[in-house]
All heavy atoms as atom14 arrays in JSON, in Angstrom:
{
  "sequence": "VEFLSGDVYQYFGVPLHLYEQMMSAHSIGGF",
  "atom14_mask": [
    [1, 1, 1, 1, 1, 1, 1, 0, 0, 0, 0, 0, 0, 0],
    [1, 1, 1, 1, 1, 1, 1, 1, 1, 0, 0, 0, 0, 0],
    [1, 1, 1, 1, 1, 1, 1, 1, 1, 1, 1, 0, 0, 0],
    [1, 1, 1, 1, 1, 1, 1, 1, 0, 0, 0, 0, 0, 0],
    [1, 1, 1, 1, 1, 1, 0, 0, 0, 0, 0, 0, 0, 0],
    [1, 1, 1, 1, 0, 0, 0, 0, 0, 0, 0, 0, 0, 0],
    [1, 1, 1, 1, 1, 1, 1, 1, 0, 0, 0, 0, 0, 0],
    [1, 1, 1, 1, 1, 1, 1, 0, 0, 0, 0, 0, 0, 0],
    [1, 1, 1, 1, 1, 1, 1, 1, 1, 1, 1, 1, 0, 0],
    [1, 1, 1, 1, 1, 1, 1, 1, 1, 0, 0, 0, 0, 0],
    [1, 1, 1, 1, 1, 1, 1, 1, 1, 1, 1, 1, 0, 0],
    [1, 1, 1, 1, 1, 1, 1, 1, 1, 1, 1, 0, 0, 0],
    [1, 1, 1, 1, 0, 0, 0, 0, 0, 0, 0, 0, 0, 0],
    [1, 1, 1, 1, 1, 1, 1, 0, 0, 0, 0, 0, 0, 0],
    [1, 1, 1, 1, 1, 1, 1, 0, 0, 0, 0, 0, 0, 0],
    [1, 1, 1, 1, 1, 1, 1, 1, 0, 0, 0, 0, 0, 0],
    [1, 1, 1, 1, 1, 1, 1, 1, 1, 1, 0, 0, 0, 0],
    [1, 1, 1, 1, 1, 1, 1, 1, 0, 0, 0, 0, 0, 0],
    [1, 1, 1, 1, 1, 1, 1, 1, 1, 1, 1, 1, 0, 0],
    [1, 1, 1, 1, 1, 1, 1, 1, 1, 0, 0, 0, 0, 0],
    [1, 1, 1, 1, 1, 1, 1, 1, 1, 0, 0, 0, 0, 0],
    [1, 1, 1, 1, 1, 1, 1, 1, 0, 0, 0, 0, 0, 0],
    [1, 1, 1, 1, 1, 1, 1, 1, 0, 0, 0, 0, 0, 0],
    [1, 1, 1, 1, 1, 1, 0, 0, 0, 0, 0, 0, 0, 0],
    [1, 1, 1, 1, 1, 0, 0, 0, 0, 0, 0, 0, 0, 0],
    [1, 1, 1, 1, 1, 1, 1, 1, 1, 1, 0, 0, 0, 0],
    [1, 1, 1, 1, 1, 1, 0, 0, 0, 0, 0, 0, 0, 0],
    [1, 1, 1, 1, 1, 1, 1, 1, 0, 0, 0, 0, 0, 0],
    [1, 1, 1, 1, 0, 0, 0, 0, 0, 0, 0, 0, 0, 0],
    [1, 1, 1, 1, 0, 0, 0, 0, 0, 0, 0, 0, 0, 0],
    [1, 1, 1, 1, 1, 1, 1, 1, 1, 1, 1, 0, 0, 0]
  ],
  "atom14_positions": [
    [[14.08, 3.33, -13.83], [15.03, 3.45, -12.83], [16.11, 2.43, -13.05], [15.8, 1.23, -13.08], [14.39, 3.27, -11.35], [15.42, 3.39, -10.31], [13.29, 4.36, -11.21], [0.0, 0.0, 0.0], [0.0, 0.0, 0.0], [0.0, 0.0, 0.0], [0.0, 0.0, 0.0], [0.0, 0.0, 0.0], [0.0, 0.0, 0.0], [0.0, 0.0, 0.0]],
    [[17.32, 2.96, -13.06], [18.47, 2.03, -13.19], [19.18, 2.1, -11.79], [19.56, 3.1, -11.28], [19.49, 2.53, -14.19], [20.78, 1.69, -14.23], [21.84, 2.28, -15.14], [21.83, 3.44, -15.38], [22.72, 1.4, -15.52], [0.0, 0.0, 0.0], [0.0, 0.0, 0.0], [0.0, 0.0, 0.0], [0.0, 0.0, 0.0], [0.0, 0.0, 0.0]],
    [[19.22, 0.92, -11.09], [19.84, 0.79, -9.94], [21.32, 0.54, -10.06], [21.8, 0.16, -11.07], [19.33, -0.41, -9.15], [17.87, -0.19, -8.69], [16.77, -0.56, -9.55], [17.48, 0.42, -7.57], [15.42, -0.25, -9.25], [16.21, 0.67, -7.17], [15.17, 0.34, -8.05], [0.0, 0.0, 0.0], [0.0, 0.0, 0.0], [0.0, 0.0, 0.0]],
    [[22.14, 0.81, -9.01], [23.55, 0.66, -9.12], [24.06, -0.7, -9.37], [25.09, -1.01, -9.89], [24.21, 1.22, -7.85], [24.05, 2.77, -7.55], [24.72, 3.15, -6.26], [24.59, 3.53, -8.74], [0.0, 0.0, 0.0], [0.0, 0.0, 0.0], [0.0, 0.0, 0.0], [0.0, 0.0, 0.0], [0.0, 0.0, 0.0], [0.0, 0.0, 0.0]],
    [[23.18, -1.62, -9.15], [23.37, -3.08, -9.42], [23.41, -3.37, -10.88], [23.8, -4.4, -11.32], [22.38, -3.95, -8.66], [21.09, -3.74, -9.21], [0.0, 0.0, 0.0], [0.0, 0.0, 0.0], [0.0, 0.0, 0.0], [0.0, 0.0, 0.0], [0.0, 0.0, 0.0], [0.0, 0.0, 0.0], [0.0, 0.0, 0.0], [0.0, 0.0, 0.0]],
    [[22.83, -2.4, -11.66], [22.7, -2.59, -13.11], [21.22, -3.0, -13.45], [20.97, -2.93, -14.69], [0.0, 0.0, 0.0], [0.0, 0.0, 0.0], [0.0, 0.0, 0.0], [0.0, 0.0, 0.0], [0.0, 0.0, 0.0], [0.0, 0.0, 0.0], [0.0, 0.0, 0.0], [0.0, 0.0, 0.0], [0.0, 0.0, 0.0], [0.0, 0.0, 0.0]],
    [[20.48, -3.45, -12.49], [19.04, -3.78, -12.84], [18.28, -2.47, -13.2], [18.54, -1.36, -12.64], [18.39, -4.36, -11.59], [18.93, -5.72, -11.2], [19.5, -6.33, -12.1], [18.73, -6.1, -10.07], [0.0, 0.0, 0.0], [0.0, 0.0, 0.0], [0.0, 0.0, 0.0], [0.0, 0.0, 0.0], [0.0, 0.0, 0.0], [0.0, 0.0, 0.0]],
    [[17.35, -2.7, -14.22], [16.59, -1.56, -14.68], [15.1, -1.92, -14.56], [14.69, -3.04, -15.0], [16.89, -1.12, -16.12], [15.98, -0.11, -16.68], [18.37, -0.79, -16.26], [0.0, 0.0, 0.0], [0.0, 0.0, 0.0], [0.0, 0.0, 0.0], [0.0, 0.0, 0.0], [0.0, 0.0, 0.0], [0.0, 0.0, 0.0], [0.0, 0.0, 0.0]],
    [[14.23, -1.01, -13.98], [12.91, -1.28, -13.83], [12.09, -0.15, -14.39], [12.6, 1.02, -14.33], [12.49, -1.4, -12.32], [12.91, -2.73, -11.74], [14.2, -3.01, -11.28], [11.96, -3.77, -11.59], [14.57, -4.18, -10.77], [12.34, -5.08, -11.07], [13.64, -5.2, -10.63], [14.06, -6.38, -10.1], [0.0, 0.0, 0.0], [0.0, 0.0, 0.0]],
    [[10.95, -0.45, -14.94], [10.03, 0.52, -15.42], [8.77, 0.48, -14.56], [8.3, -0.54, -14.23], [9.71, 0.34, -16.9], [10.71, 0.68, -17.89], [10.32, 0.64, -19.29], [9.29, -0.1, -19.61], [11.0, 1.17, -20.21], [0.0, 0.0, 0.0], [0.0, 0.0, 0.0], [0.0, 0.0, 0.0], [0.0, 0.0, 0.0], [0.0, 0.0, 0.0]],
    [[8.37, 1.65, -14.09], [7.12, 1.85, -13.21], [6.09, 2.57, -14.13], [6.42, 3.56, -14.69], [7.53, 2.67, -11.93], [8.54, 1.94, -11.09], [9.81, 2.09, -11.38], [8.05, 0.97, -10.1], [10.81, 1.41, -10.51], [9.05, 0.28, -9.37], [10.33, 0.51, -9.55], [11.28, -0.17, -8.79], [0.0, 0.0, 0.0], [0.0, 0.0, 0.0]],
    [[4.83, 1.99, -14.11], [3.9, 2.48, -15.01], [2.73, 3.37, -14.29], [2.47, 3.05, -13.18], [3.18, 1.26, -15.67], [4.2, 0.42, -16.26], [4.39, -0.84, -15.74], [4.95, 0.73, -17.38], [5.35, -1.8, -16.25], [5.92, -0.08, -17.95], [6.06, -1.36, -17.45], [0.0, 0.0, 0.0], [0.0, 0.0, 0.0], [0.0, 0.0, 0.0]],
    [[2.34, 4.32, -14.98], [1.25, 5.18, -14.51], [1.72, 6.21, -13.48], [0.86, 6.76, -12.72], [0.0, 0.0, 0.0], [0.0, 0.0, 0.0], [0.0, 0.0, 0.0], [0.0, 0.0, 0.0], [0.0, 0.0, 0.0], [0.0, 0.0, 0.0], [0.0, 0.0, 0.0], [0.0, 0.0, 0.0], [0.0, 0.0, 0.0], [0.0, 0.0, 0.0]],
    [[3.03, 6.58, -13.51], [3.53, 7.43, -12.52], [3.27, 8.83, -13.04], [3.76, 9.28, -14.08], [5.04, 7.24, -12.28], [5.61, 8.29, -11.3], [5.31, 5.83, -11.85], [0.0, 0.0, 0.0], [0.0, 0.0, 0.0], [0.0, 0.0, 0.0], [0.0, 0.0, 0.0], [0.0, 0.0, 0.0], [0.0, 0.0, 0.0], [0.0, 0.0, 0.0]],
    [[2.61, 9.72, -12.28], [2.27, 11.07, -12.69], [3.57, 11.94, -12.71], [4.49, 11.73, -11.94], [1.32, 11.67, -11.66], [1.01, 10.49, -10.66], [1.87, 9.38, -10.97], [0.0, 0.0, 0.0], [0.0, 0.0, 0.0], [0.0, 0.0, 0.0], [0.0, 0.0, 0.0], [0.0, 0.0, 0.0], [0.0, 0.0, 0.0], [0.0, 0.0, 0.0]],
    [[3.6, 12.93, -13.62], [4.74, 13.76, -13.79], [5.11, 14.38, -12.42], [6.3, 14.48, -12.09], [4.48, 14.86, -14.86], [5.52, 15.92, -14.98], [6.87, 15.24, -15.46], [5.08, 16.92, -16.04], [0.0, 0.0, 0.0], [0.0, 0.0, 0.0], [0.0, 0.0, 0.0], [0.0, 0.0, 0.0], [0.0, 0.0, 0.0], [0.0, 0.0, 0.0]],
    [[4.16, 14.87, -11.66], [4.53, 15.59, -10.39], [5.21, 14.66, -9.44], [6.12, 15.1, -8.65], [3.28, 16.22, -9.77], [2.31, 15.25, -9.09], [1.37, 14.6, -9.78], [2.3, 14.79, -7.9], [0.72, 13.74, -8.99], [1.26, 13.84, -7.78], [0.0, 0.0, 0.0], [0.0, 0.0, 0.0], [0.0, 0.0, 0.0], [0.0, 0.0, 0.0]],
    [[4.93, 13.42, -9.45], [5.58, 12.44, -8.52], [7.08, 12.27, -8.98], [7.93, 12.2, -8.21], [4.82, 11.12, -8.53], [5.18, 10.21, -7.31], [4.66, 10.91, -6.01], [4.57, 8.92, -7.49], [0.0, 0.0, 0.0], [0.0, 0.0, 0.0], [0.0, 0.0, 0.0], [0.0, 0.0, 0.0], [0.0, 0.0, 0.0], [0.0, 0.0, 0.0]],
    [[7.24, 12.12, -10.21], [8.62, 12.03, -10.82], [9.45, 13.26, -10.41], [10.52, 13.19, -9.96], [8.59, 11.9, -12.32], [9.96, 12.19, -12.98], [11.0, 11.29, -12.95], [10.08, 13.33, -13.74], [12.19, 11.57, -13.53], [11.18, 13.63, -14.39], [12.35, 12.76, -14.33], [13.47, 13.04, -14.94], [0.0, 0.0, 0.0], [0.0, 0.0, 0.0]],
    [[8.8, 14.5, -10.61], [9.51, 15.67, -10.31], [9.82, 15.81, -8.73], [10.96, 16.18, -8.33], [8.7, 16.88, -10.7], [8.67, 17.08, -12.2], [7.6, 18.07, -12.61], [6.67, 18.5, -11.91], [7.75, 18.53, -13.79], [0.0, 0.0, 0.0], [0.0, 0.0, 0.0], [0.0, 0.0, 0.0], [0.0, 0.0, 0.0], [0.0, 0.0, 0.0]],
    [[8.97, 15.33, -7.93], [9.18, 15.24, -6.48], [10.23, 14.3, -6.14], [11.14, 14.68, -5.32], [7.85, 14.92, -5.76], [6.8, 15.95, -5.77], [5.53, 15.42, -5.1], [5.34, 14.25, -4.77], [4.59, 16.36, -4.89], [0.0, 0.0, 0.0], [0.0, 0.0, 0.0], [0.0, 0.0, 0.0], [0.0, 0.0, 0.0], [0.0, 0.0, 0.0]],
    [[10.28, 13.18, -6.79], [11.42, 12.25, -6.43], [12.75, 12.82, -6.92], [13.7, 12.65, -6.09], [11.13, 10.87, -7.26], [12.1, 9.85, -6.73], [11.82, 8.28, -7.49], [12.79, 8.3, -8.92], [0.0, 0.0, 0.0], [0.0, 0.0, 0.0], [0.0, 0.0, 0.0], [0.0, 0.0, 0.0], [0.0, 0.0, 0.0], [0.0, 0.0, 0.0]],
    [[12.79, 13.41, -8.0], [14.03, 14.02, -8.45], [14.56, 15.06, -7.65], [15.82, 15.36, -7.64], [13.94, 14.46, -9.97], [13.65, 13.29, -10.96], [14.96, 12.04, -10.96], [16.22, 12.87, -11.98], [0.0, 0.0, 0.0], [0.0, 0.0, 0.0], [0.0, 0.0, 0.0], [0.0, 0.0, 0.0], [0.0, 0.0, 0.0], [0.0, 0.0, 0.0]],
    [[13.76, 15.76, -6.91], [14.23, 16.76, -5.98], [14.3, 16.34, -4.49], [14.58, 17.16, -3.66], [13.33, 18.06, -6.11], [12.04, 17.77, -5.69], [0.0, 0.0, 0.0], [0.0, 0.0, 0.0], [0.0, 0.0, 0.0], [0.0, 0.0, 0.0], [0.0, 0.0, 0.0], [0.0, 0.0, 0.0], [0.0, 0.0, 0.0], [0.0, 0.0, 0.0]],
    [[13.89, 15.11, -4.26], [13.9, 14.6, -2.93], [15.32, 14.42, -2.26], [16.33, 14.23, -3.14], [13.25, 13.19, -2.93], [0.0, 0.0, 0.0], [0.0, 0.0, 0.0], [0.0, 0.0, 0.0], [0.0, 0.0, 0.0], [0.0, 0.0, 0.0], [0.0, 0.0, 0.0], [0.0, 0.0, 0.0], [0.0, 0.0, 0.0], [0.0, 0.0, 0.0]],
    [[15.48, 14.59, -0.97], [16.67, 14.49, -0.29], [17.24, 13.03, -0.54], [18.38, 12.8, -0.69], [16.54, 14.74, 1.16], [17.86, 14.66, 1.96], [18.94, 15.35, 1.77], [18.08, 13.64, 2.84], [19.81, 14.95, 2.65], [19.3, 13.89, 3.39], [0.0, 0.0, 0.0], [0.0, 0.0, 0.0], [0.0, 0.0, 0.0], [0.0, 0.0, 0.0]],
    [[16.37, 12.03, -0.44], [16.71, 10.65, -0.64], [15.89, 10.04, -1.82], [14.74, 9.79, -1.67], [16.46, 9.82, 0.66], [16.63, 8.47, 0.36], [0.0, 0.0, 0.0], [0.0, 0.0, 0.0], [0.0, 0.0, 0.0], [0.0, 0.0, 0.0], [0.0, 0.0, 0.0], [0.0, 0.0, 0.0], [0.0, 0.0, 0.0], [0.0, 0.0, 0.0]],
    [[16.53, 9.85, -2.95], [15.74, 9.28, -4.08], [15.34, 7.84, -3.82], [14.18, 7.5, -4.17], [16.64, 9.47, -5.34], [16.74, 10.9, -5.71], [16.06, 8.6, -6.51], [17.49, 11.17, -6.95], [0.0, 0.0, 0.0], [0.0, 0.0, 0.0], [0.0, 0.0, 0.0], [0.0, 0.0, 0.0], [0.0, 0.0, 0.0], [0.0, 0.0, 0.0]],
    [[16.22, 7.09, -3.26], [15.88, 5.67, -2.96], [14.85, 5.58, -1.88], [13.93, 4.79, -2.0], [0.0, 0.0, 0.0], [0.0, 0.0, 0.0], [0.0, 0.0, 0.0], [0.0, 0.0, 0.0], [0.0, 0.0, 0.0], [0.0, 0.0, 0.0], [0.0, 0.0, 0.0], [0.0, 0.0, 0.0], [0.0, 0.0, 0.0], [0.0, 0.0, 0.0]],
    [[14.85, 6.4, -0.9], [13.76, 6.43, 0.09], [12.42, 6.85, -0.44], [11.46, 6.28, -0.17], [0.0, 0.0, 0.0], [0.0, 0.0, 0.0], [0.0, 0.0, 0.0], [0.0, 0.0, 0.0], [0.0, 0.0, 0.0], [0.0, 0.0, 0.0], [0.0, 0.0, 0.0], [0.0, 0.0, 0.0], [0.0, 0.0, 0.0], [0.0, 0.0, 0.0]],
    [[12.41, 7.86, -1.3], [11.24, 8.42, -2.02], [10.61, 7.17, -2.83], [9.46, 6.93, -2.83], [11.46, 9.53, -2.81], [10.31, 10.21, -3.37], [9.71, 11.32, -2.71], [9.63, 9.78, -4.52], [8.55, 11.96, -3.15], [8.46, 10.36, -5.04], [7.94, 11.47, -4.27], [0.0, 0.0, 0.0], [0.0, 0.0, 0.0], [0.0, 0.0, 0.0]]
  ]
}
């Protein structure tokens, strides 16, 4: 995840379905 501040974080062990849900969420930051 690259934040608008320019910081980049990697999150480990995230299942594909969770990534897909986040990408289609109304609020990505909230998710």
